[in-house]
């Protein structure tokens, strides 16, 4: 089992940047696929970015490609989301999530599927003003 705690959210102007962090506790962090999801008011929680346990495979939703970068530090049990050129439509609560499966299964389709993530953090608010 793994516990997840997000940090780094806040209020930023359009065009600005934020870096979200997710601290994971528990064993075998490097075996978990990790993802960032977001939920805006009145909308469903949606996939943003994902990364495989070994960091070799990543996936992004089209709306953030070229702006958001997901990374992980397995030695420190940390997951990151660097968000650049933020837009008002990026405003949401951002959640860190972990999914347990063999590494060879953690392809882009796997990373995009919300049902594959069993563990979730409490979320951090990101607000982008125009």
Foldseek 3Di string as FASTA:
>chain_A
DKAKAKDWADEEAAQAKTKMKIAIDDPDLLQKKKFKWWDDPPGDIFGAKIAFSPRPAMEGDPVQPPFWDWDADVVRRMIMIIGGRDDQVVWTWMKMFIAGDGRVVPHHVLRRDPVRTDYIYPTDTHGYHD
